[in-house]
């Protein structure tokens, strides 16, 4: 495991200390869990954005195809 040194404002460090004590885990473990949770959240946000983008493209294509079917339904000779 690699080591990382960070500087935090006293208020944030106090909050980390309080919350880690309440959870009965070390400060380092609390920070590791917090970073892991943030990384997971960012990955989920990226995945959600990619799915939305894909959904919009598929929807646009579906609308185009539906309009072609509608033309054929109303005028089979078209």
PDB file of N, CA and C in Angstrom:
ATOM      1  N   UNK A   1       0.855  -1.173   0.000  1.00  0.00           N
ATOM      2  CA  UNK A   1       0.000   0.000   0.000  1.00  0.00           C
ATOM      3  C   UNK A   1       0.897   1.229   0.000  1.00  0.00           C
ATOM      4  N   UNK A   2       0.528   2.200  -0.806  1.00  0.00           N
ATOM      5  CA  UNK A   2       1.294   3.443  -0.892  1.00  0.00           C
ATOM      6  C   UNK A   2       0.861   4.408   0.199  1.00  0.00           C
ATOM      7  N   UNK A   3       1.751   5.322   0.513  1.00  0.00           N
ATOM      8  CA  UNK A   3       1.449   6.356   1.504  1.00  0.00           C
ATOM      9  C   UNK A   3       1.120   7.654   0.780  1.00  0.00           C
ATOM     10  N   UNK A   4       0.275   8.459   1.410  1.00  0.00           N
ATOM     11  CA  UNK A   4      -0.142   9.731   0.845  1.00  0.00           C
ATOM     12  C   UNK A   4      -0.173  10.754   1.970  1.00  0.00           C
ATOM     13  N   UNK A   5       0.411  11.898   1.721  1.00  0.00           N
ATOM     14  CA  UNK A   5       0.383  12.972   2.705  1.00  0.00           C
ATOM     15  C   UNK A   5      -0.507  14.075   2.160  1.00  0.00           C
ATOM     16  N   UNK A   6      -1.452  14.527   2.985  1.00  0.00           N
ATOM     17  CA  UNK A   6      -2.339  15.608   2.556  1.00  0.00           C
ATOM     18  C   UNK A   6      -2.425  16.667   3.647  1.00  0.00           C
ATOM     19  N   UNK A   7      -2.750  17.856   3.223  1.00  0.00           N
ATOM     20  CA  UNK A   7      -2.990  18.946   4.168  1.00  0.00           C
ATOM     21  C   UNK A   7      -4.488  19.226   4.165  1.00  0.00           C
ATOM     22  N   UNK A   8      -5.063  19.260   5.350  1.00  0.00           N
ATOM     23  CA  UNK A   8      -6.492  19.520   5.485  1.00  0.00           C
ATOM     24  C   UNK A   8      -6.710  20.678   6.436  1.00  0.00           C
ATOM     25  N   UNK A   9      -7.732  21.470   6.171  1.00  0.00           N
ATOM     26  CA  UNK A   9      -8.086  22.502   7.149  1.00  0.00           C
ATOM     27  C   UNK A   9      -8.469  21.838   8.473  1.00  0.00           C
ATOM     28  N   UNK A  10      -8.203  22.531   9.562  1.00  0.00           N
ATOM     29  CA  UNK A  10      -8.478  21.971  10.888  1.00  0.00           C
ATOM     30  C   UNK A  10      -9.930  21.536  11.046  1.00  0.00           C
ATOM     31  N   UNK A  11     -10.852  22.309  10.471  1.00  0.00           N
ATOM     32  CA  UNK A  11     -12.277  21.972  10.610  1.00  0.00           C
ATOM     33  C   UNK A  11     -12.584  20.616   9.976  1.00  0.00           C
ATOM     34  N   UNK A  12     -12.004  20.364   8.820  1.00  0.00           N
ATOM     35  CA  UNK A  12     -12.248  19.084   8.143  1.00  0.00           C
ATOM     36  C   UNK A  12     -11.619  17.949   8.940  1.00  0.00           C
ATOM     37  N   UNK A  13     -10.417  18.158   9.417  1.00  0.00           N
ATOM     38  CA  UNK A  13      -9.747  17.120  10.195  1.00  0.00           C
ATOM     39  C   UNK A  13     -10.512  16.826  11.488  1.00  0.00           C
ATOM     40  N   UNK A  14     -11.038  17.863  12.122  1.00  0.00           N
ATOM     41  CA  UNK A  14     -11.849  17.650  13.328  1.00  0.00           C
ATOM     42  C   UNK A  14     -13.080  16.806  13.005  1.00  0.00           C
ATOM     43  N   UNK A  15     -13.705  17.099  11.872  1.00  0.00           N
ATOM     44  CA  UNK A  15     -14.880  16.332  11.454  1.00  0.00           C
ATOM     45  C   UNK A  15     -14.511  14.876  11.171  1.00  0.00           C
ATOM     46  N   UNK A  16     -13.386  14.677  10.509  1.00  0.00           N
ATOM     47  CA  UNK A  16     -12.907  13.313  10.232  1.00  0.00           C
ATOM     48  C   UNK A  16     -12.676  12.569  11.543  1.00  0.00           C
ATOM     49  N   UNK A  17     -12.034  13.228  12.482  1.00  0.00           N
ATOM     50  CA  UNK A  17     -11.766  12.595  13.778  1.00  0.00           C
ATOM     51  C   UNK A  17     -13.061  12.215  14.501  1.00  0.00           C
ATOM     52  N   UNK A  18     -14.034  13.120  14.507  1.00  0.00           N
ATOM     53  CA  UNK A  18     -15.309  12.846  15.183  1.00  0.00           C
ATOM     54  C   UNK A  18     -16.034  11.671  14.537  1.00  0.00           C
ATOM     55  N   UNK A  19     -16.110  11.714  13.227  1.00  0.00           N
ATOM     56  CA  UNK A  19     -16.871  10.672  12.523  1.00  0.00           C
ATOM     57  C   UNK A  19     -16.166   9.315  12.573  1.00  0.00           C
ATOM     58  N   UNK A  20     -14.861   9.319  12.456  1.00  0.00           N
ATOM     59  CA  UNK A  20     -14.146   8.041  12.521  1.00  0.00           C
ATOM     60  C   UNK A  20     -14.254   7.434  13.921  1.00  0.00           C
ATOM     61  N   UNK A  21     -14.204   8.277  14.945  1.00  0.00           N
ATOM     62  CA  UNK A  21     -14.357   7.777  16.317  1.00  0.00           C
ATOM     63  C   UNK A  21     -15.757   7.199  16.520  1.00  0.00           C
ATOM     64  N   UNK A  22     -16.756   7.882  15.980  1.00  0.00           N
ATOM     65  CA  UNK A  22     -18.133   7.414  16.108  1.00  0.00           C
ATOM     66  C   UNK A  22     -18.319   6.053  15.429  1.00  0.00           C
ATOM     67  N   UNK A  23     -17.601   5.838  14.329  1.00  0.00           N
ATOM     68  CA  UNK A  23     -17.692   4.572  13.593  1.00  0.00           C
ATOM     69  C   UNK A  23     -16.712   3.517  14.116  1.00  0.00           C
ATOM     70  N   UNK A  24     -15.885   3.906  15.074  1.00  0.00           N
ATOM     71  CA  UNK A  24     -14.879   3.009  15.659  1.00  0.00           C
ATOM     72  C   UNK A  24     -13.896   2.494  14.604  1.00  0.00           C
ATOM     73  N   UNK A  25     -13.464   3.410  13.748  1.00  0.00           N
ATOM     74  CA  UNK A  25     -12.441   3.081  12.754  1.00  0.00           C
ATOM     75  C   UNK A  25     -11.355   4.150  12.821  1.00  0.00           C
ATOM     76  N   UNK A  26     -10.218   3.840  12.259  1.00  0.00           N
ATOM     77  CA  UNK A  26      -9.120   4.809  12.290  1.00  0.00           C
ATOM     78  C   UNK A  26      -9.403   5.966  11.332  1.00  0.00           C
ATOM     79  N   UNK A  27      -8.708   7.038  11.557  1.00  0.00           N
ATOM     80  CA  UNK A  27      -8.805   8.199  10.677  1.00  0.00           C
ATOM     81  C   UNK A  27      -8.445   7.794   9.249  1.00  0.00           C
ATOM     82  N   UNK A  28      -7.382   7.018   9.105  1.00  0.00           N
ATOM     83  CA  UNK A  28      -6.944   6.577   7.776  1.00  0.00           C
ATOM     84  C   UNK A  28      -8.012   5.739   7.086  1.00  0.00           C
ATOM     85  N   UNK A  29      -8.624   4.835   7.846  1.00  0.00           N
ATOM     86  CA  UNK A  29      -9.674   3.992   7.266  1.00  0.00           C
ATOM     87  C   UNK A  29     -10.868   4.844   6.840  1.00  0.00           C
ATOM     88  N   UNK A  30     -11.220   5.819   7.655  1.00  0.00           N
ATOM     89  CA  UNK A  30     -12.328   6.712   7.317  1.00  0.00           C
ATOM     90  C   UNK A  30     -12.037   7.448   6.009  1.00  0.00           C
ATOM     91  N   UNK A  31     -10.830   7.959   5.884  1.00  0.00           N
ATOM     92  CA  UNK A  31     -10.454   8.686   4.667  1.00  0.00           C
ATOM     93  C   UNK A  31     -10.416   7.736   3.471  1.00  0.00           C
ATOM     94  N   UNK A  32      -9.882   6.516   3.652  1.00  0.00           N
ATOM     95  CA  UNK A  32      -9.885   5.526   2.563  1.00  0.00           C
ATOM     96  C   UNK A  32     -11.309   5.233   2.102  1.00  0.00           C
ATOM     97  N   UNK A  33     -12.200   5.003   3.060  1.00  0.00           N
ATOM     98  CA  UNK A  33     -13.596   4.718   2.718  1.00  0.00           C
ATOM     99  C   UNK A  33     -14.253   5.907   2.016  1.00  0.00           C
ATOM    100  N   UNK A  34     -13.942   7.101   2.481  1.00  0.00           N
ATOM    101  CA  UNK A  34     -14.508   8.304   1.868  1.00  0.00           C
ATOM    102  C   UNK A  34     -14.050   8.462   0.424  1.00  0.00           C
ATOM    103  N   UNK A  35     -12.780   8.235   0.187  1.00  0.00           N
ATOM    104  CA  UNK A  35     -12.247   8.334  -1.178  1.00  0.00           C
ATOM    105  C   UNK A  35     -12.856   7.249  -2.060  1.00  0.00           C
ATOM    106  N   UNK A  36     -12.955   6.041  -1.534  1.00  0.00           N
ATOM    107  CA  UNK A  36     -13.546   4.943  -2.309  1.00  0.00           C
ATOM    108  C   UNK A  36     -14.999   5.258  -2.661  1.00  0.00           C
ATOM    109  N   UNK A  37     -15.730   5.819  -1.697  1.00  0.00           N
ATOM    110  CA  UNK A  37     -17.133   6.166  -1.944  1.00  0.00           C
ATOM    111  C   UNK A  37     -17.242   7.261  -3.003  1.00  0.00           C
ATOM    112  N   UNK A  38     -16.368   8.236  -2.938  1.00  0.00           N
ATOM    113  CA  UNK A  38     -16.391   9.313  -3.928  1.00  0.00           C
ATOM    114  C   UNK A  38     -16.031   8.775  -5.314  1.00  0.00           C
ATOM    115  N   UNK A  39     -15.013   7.924  -5.381  1.00  0.00           N
ATOM    116  CA  UNK A  39     -14.633   7.329  -6.665  1.00  0.00           C
ATOM    117  C   UNK A  39     -15.791   6.530  -7.261  1.00  0.00           C
ATOM    118  N   UNK A  40     -16.465   5.766  -6.421  1.00  0.00           N
ATOM    119  CA  UNK A  40     -17.606   4.981  -6.889  1.00  0.00           C
ATOM    120  C   UNK A  40     -18.712   5.899  -7.403  1.00  0.00           C
ATOM    121  N   UNK A  41     -18.965   6.967  -6.681  1.00  0.00           N
ATOM    122  CA  UNK A  41     -19.992   7.926  -7.097  1.00  0.00           C
ATOM    123  C   UNK A  41     -19.660   8.573  -8.431  1.00  0.00           C
ATOM    124  N   UNK A  42     -18.406   8.919  -8.619  1.00  0.00           N
ATOM    125  CA  UNK A  42     -17.986   9.530  -9.882  1.00  0.00           C
ATOM    126  C   UNK A  42     -18.148   8.533 -11.025  1.00  0.00           C
ATOM    127  N   UNK A  43     -17.768   7.286 -10.794  1.00  0.00           N
ATOM    128  CA  UNK A  43     -17.936   6.252 -11.826  1.00  0.00           C
ATOM    129  C   UNK A  43     -19.410   6.069 -12.165  1.00  0.00           C
ATOM    130  N   UNK A  44     -20.265   6.072 -11.153  1.00  0.00           N
ATOM    131  CA  UNK A  44     -21.704   5.934 -11.394  1.00  0.00           C
ATOM    132  C   UNK A  44     -22.240   7.125 -12.178  1.00  0.00           C
ATOM    133  N   UNK A  45     -21.778   8.324 -11.850  1.00  0.00           N
ATOM    134  CA  UNK A  45     -22.205   9.520 -12.583  1.00  0.00           C
ATOM    135  C   UNK A  45     -21.771   9.449 -14.043  1.00  0.00           C
ATOM    136  N   UNK A  46     -20.533   9.005 -14.276  1.00  0.00           N
ATOM    137  CA  UNK A  46     -20.037   8.874 -15.648  1.00  0.00           C
ATOM    138  C   UNK A  46     -20.844   7.834 -16.411  1.00  0.00           C
ATOM    139  N   UNK A  47     -21.137   6.722 -15.763  1.00  0.00           N
ATOM    140  CA  UNK A  47     -21.922   5.658 -16.399  1.00  0.00           C
ATOM    141  C   UNK A  47     -23.327   6.158 -16.724  1.00  0.00           C
ATOM    142  N   UNK A  48     -23.929   6.867 -15.775  1.00  0.00           N
ATOM    143  CA  UNK A  48     -25.276   7.412 -15.976  1.00  0.00           C
ATOM    144  C   UNK A  48     -25.287   8.386 -17.155  1.00  0.00           C
ATOM    145  N   UNK A  49     -24.279   9.243 -17.234  1.00  0.00           N
ATOM    146  CA  UNK A  49     -24.199  10.213 -18.329  1.00  0.00           C
ATOM    147  C   UNK A  49     -24.041   9.500 -19.672  1.00  0.00           C
ATOM    148  N   UNK A  50     -23.218   8.464 -19.691  1.00  0.00           N
ATOM    149  CA  UNK A  50     -23.015   7.712 -20.927  1.00  0.00           C
ATOM    150  C   UNK A  50     -24.301   6.999 -21.349  1.00  0.00           C
ATOM    151  N   UNK A  51     -25.013   6.428 -20.385  1.00  0.00           N
ATOM    152  CA  UNK A  51     -26.283   5.772 -20.699  1.00  0.00           C
ATOM    153  C   UNK A  51     -27.310   6.774 -21.223  1.00  0.00           C
ATOM    154  N   UNK A  52     -27.351   7.955 -20.621  1.00  0.00           N
ATOM    155  CA  UNK A  52     -28.288   8.983 -21.080  1.00  0.00           C
ATOM    156  C   UNK A  52     -27.958   9.414 -22.506  1.00  0.00           C
ATOM    157  N   UNK A  53     -26.688   9.600 -22.783  1.00  0.00           N
ATOM    158  CA  UNK A  53     -26.261   9.992 -24.130  1.00  0.00           C
ATOM    159  C   UNK A  53     -26.655   8.917 -25.143  1.00  0.00           C
ATOM    160  N   UNK A  54     -26.396   7.673 -24.796  1.00  0.00           N
ATOM    161  CA  UNK A  54     -26.744   6.560 -25.680  1.00  0.00           C
ATOM    162  C   UNK A  54     -28.253   6.471 -25.857  1.00  0.00           C
ATOM    163  N   UNK A  55     -28.974   6.659 -24.780  1.00  0.00           N
ATOM    164  CA  UNK A  55     -30.434   6.611 -24.833  1.00  0.00           C
ATOM    165  C   UNK A  55     -30.983   7.681 -25.774  1.00  0.00           C
ATOM    166  N   UNK A  56     -30.419   8.877 -25.710  1.00  0.00           N
ATOM    167  CA  UNK A  56     -30.876   9.956 -26.594  1.00  0.00           C
ATOM    168  C   UNK A  56     -30.604   9.622 -28.061  1.00  0.00           C
ATOM    169  N   UNK A  57     -29.430   9.041 -28.320  1.00  0.00           N
ATOM    170  CA  UNK A  57     -29.121   8.659 -29.703  1.00  0.00           C
ATOM    171  C   UNK A  57     -30.071   7.576 -30.190  1.00  0.00           C
ATOM    172  N   UNK A  58     -30.331   6.581 -29.340  1.00  0.00           N
ATOM    173  CA  UNK A  58     -31.234   5.490 -29.715  1.00  0.00           C
ATOM    174  C   UNK A  58     -32.644   6.032 -29.911  1.00  0.00           C
ATOM    175  N   UNK A  59     -33.073   6.919 -29.027  1.00  0.00           N
ATOM    176  CA  UNK A  59     -34.411   7.500 -29.136  1.00  0.00           C
ATOM    177  C   UNK A  59     -34.561   8.251 -30.454  1.00  0.00           C
ATOM    178  N   UNK A  60     -33.552   9.014 -30.816  1.00  0.00           N
ATOM    179  CA  UNK A  60     -33.591   9.778 -32.063  1.00  0.00           C
ATOM    180  C   UNK A  60     -33.718   8.828 -33.257  1.00  0.00           C
ATOM    181  N   UNK A  61     -32.938   7.769 -33.248  1.00  0.00           N
ATOM    182  CA  UNK A  61     -32.991   6.790 -34.334  1.00  0.00           C
ATOM    183  C   UNK A  61     -34.342   6.072 -34.343  1.00  0.00           C
ATOM    184  N   UNK A  62     -34.871   5.750 -33.177  1.00  0.00           N
ATOM    185  CA  UNK A  62     -36.175   5.087 -33.093  1.00  0.00           C
ATOM    186  C   UNK A  62     -37.273   5.977 -33.655  1.00  0.00           C
ATOM    187  N   UNK A  63     -37.208   7.257 -33.367  1.00  0.00           N
ATOM    188  CA  UNK A  63     -38.209   8.187 -33.892  1.00  0.00           C
ATOM    189  C   UNK A  63     -38.145   8.237 -35.420  1.00  0.00           C
ATOM    190  N   UNK A  64     -36.948   8.206 -35.963  1.00  0.00           N
ATOM    191  CA  UNK A  64     -36.783   8.218 -37.416  1.00  0.00           C
ATOM    192  C   UNK A  64     -37.401   6.958 -38.021  1.00  0.00           C
ATOM    193  N   UNK A  65     -37.123   5.822 -37.425  1.00  0.00           N
ATOM    194  CA  UNK A  65     -37.655   4.551 -37.924  1.00  0.00           C
ATOM    195  C   UNK A  65     -39.174   4.514 -37.772  1.00  0.00           C
ATOM    196  N   UNK A  66     -39.683   4.998 -36.641  1.00  0.00           N
ATOM    197  CA  UNK A  66     -41.137   5.039 -36.436  1.00  0.00           C
ATOM    198  C   UNK A  66     -41.819   5.900 -37.493  1.00  0.00           C
ATOM    199  N   UNK A  67     -41.192   7.001 -37.858  1.00  0.00           N
ATOM    200  CA  UNK A  67     -41.801   7.854 -38.883  1.00  0.00           C
ATOM    201  C   UNK A  67     -41.824   7.141 -40.230  1.00  0.00           C
ATOM    202  N   UNK A  68     -40.810   6.331 -40.515  1.00  0.00           N
ATOM    203  CA  UNK A  68     -40.809   5.547 -41.757  1.00  0.00           C
ATOM    204  C   UNK A  68     -41.942   4.525 -41.741  1.00  0.00           C
ATOM    205  N   UNK A  69     -42.141   3.859 -40.606  1.00  0.00           N
ATOM    206  CA  UNK A  69     -43.250   2.907 -40.492  1.00  0.00           C
ATOM    207  C   UNK A  69     -44.593   3.621 -40.648  1.00  0.00           C
ATOM    208  N   UNK A  70     -44.705   4.794 -40.065  1.00  0.00           N
ATOM    209  CA  UNK A  70     -45.956   5.554 -40.157  1.00  0.00           C
ATOM    210  C   UNK A  70     -46.264   5.897 -41.612  1.00  0.00           C
ATOM    211  N   UNK A  71     -45.249   6.267 -42.362  1.00  0.00           N
ATOM    212  CA  UNK A  71     -45.457   6.580 -43.781  1.00  0.00           C
ATOM    213  C   UNK A  71     -45.978   5.359 -44.522  1.00  0.00           C
ATOM    214  N   UNK A  72     -45.400   4.200 -44.250  1.00  0.00           N
ATOM    215  CA  UNK A  72     -45.812   2.965 -44.920  1.00  0.00           C
ATOM    216  C   UNK A  72     -47.232   2.585 -44.509  1.00  0.00           C
ATOM    217  N   UNK A  73     -47.575   2.769 -43.249  1.00  0.00           N
ATOM    218  CA  UNK A  73     -48.925   2.447 -42.776  1.00  0.00           C
ATOM    219  C   UNK A  73     -49.978   3.290 -43.479  1.00  0.00           C
ATOM    220  N   UNK A  74     -49.673   4.578 -43.656  1.00  0.00           N
ATOM    221  CA  UNK A  74     -50.645   5.491 -44.248  1.00  0.00           C
ATOM    222  C   UNK A  74     -50.647   5.440 -45.774  1.00  0.00           C
ATOM    223  N   UNK A  75     -49.533   5.073 -46.357  1.00  0.00           N
ATOM    224  CA  UNK A  75     -49.436   5.009 -47.815  1.00  0.00           C
ATOM    225  C   UNK A  75     -48.532   3.838 -48.185  1.00  0.00           C
ATOM    226  N   UNK A  76     -49.092   2.629 -48.250  1.00  0.00           N
ATOM    227  CA  UNK A  76     -48.283   1.433 -48.518  1.00  0.00           C
ATOM    228  C   UNK A  76     -47.516   1.492 -49.836  1.00  0.00           C
ATOM    229  N   UNK A  77     -47.922   2.350 -50.744  1.00  0.00           N
ATOM    230  CA  UNK A  77     -47.247   2.469 -52.034  1.00  0.00           C
ATOM    231  C   UNK A  77     -46.014   3.364 -51.955  1.00  0.00           C
ATOM    232  N   UNK A  78     -45.816   4.031 -50.835  1.00  0.00           N
ATOM    233  CA  UNK A  78     -44.708   4.991 -50.712  1.00  0.00           C
ATOM    234  C   UNK A  78     -43.372   4.299 -50.658  1.00  0.00           C
TER     235      UNK A  78
END
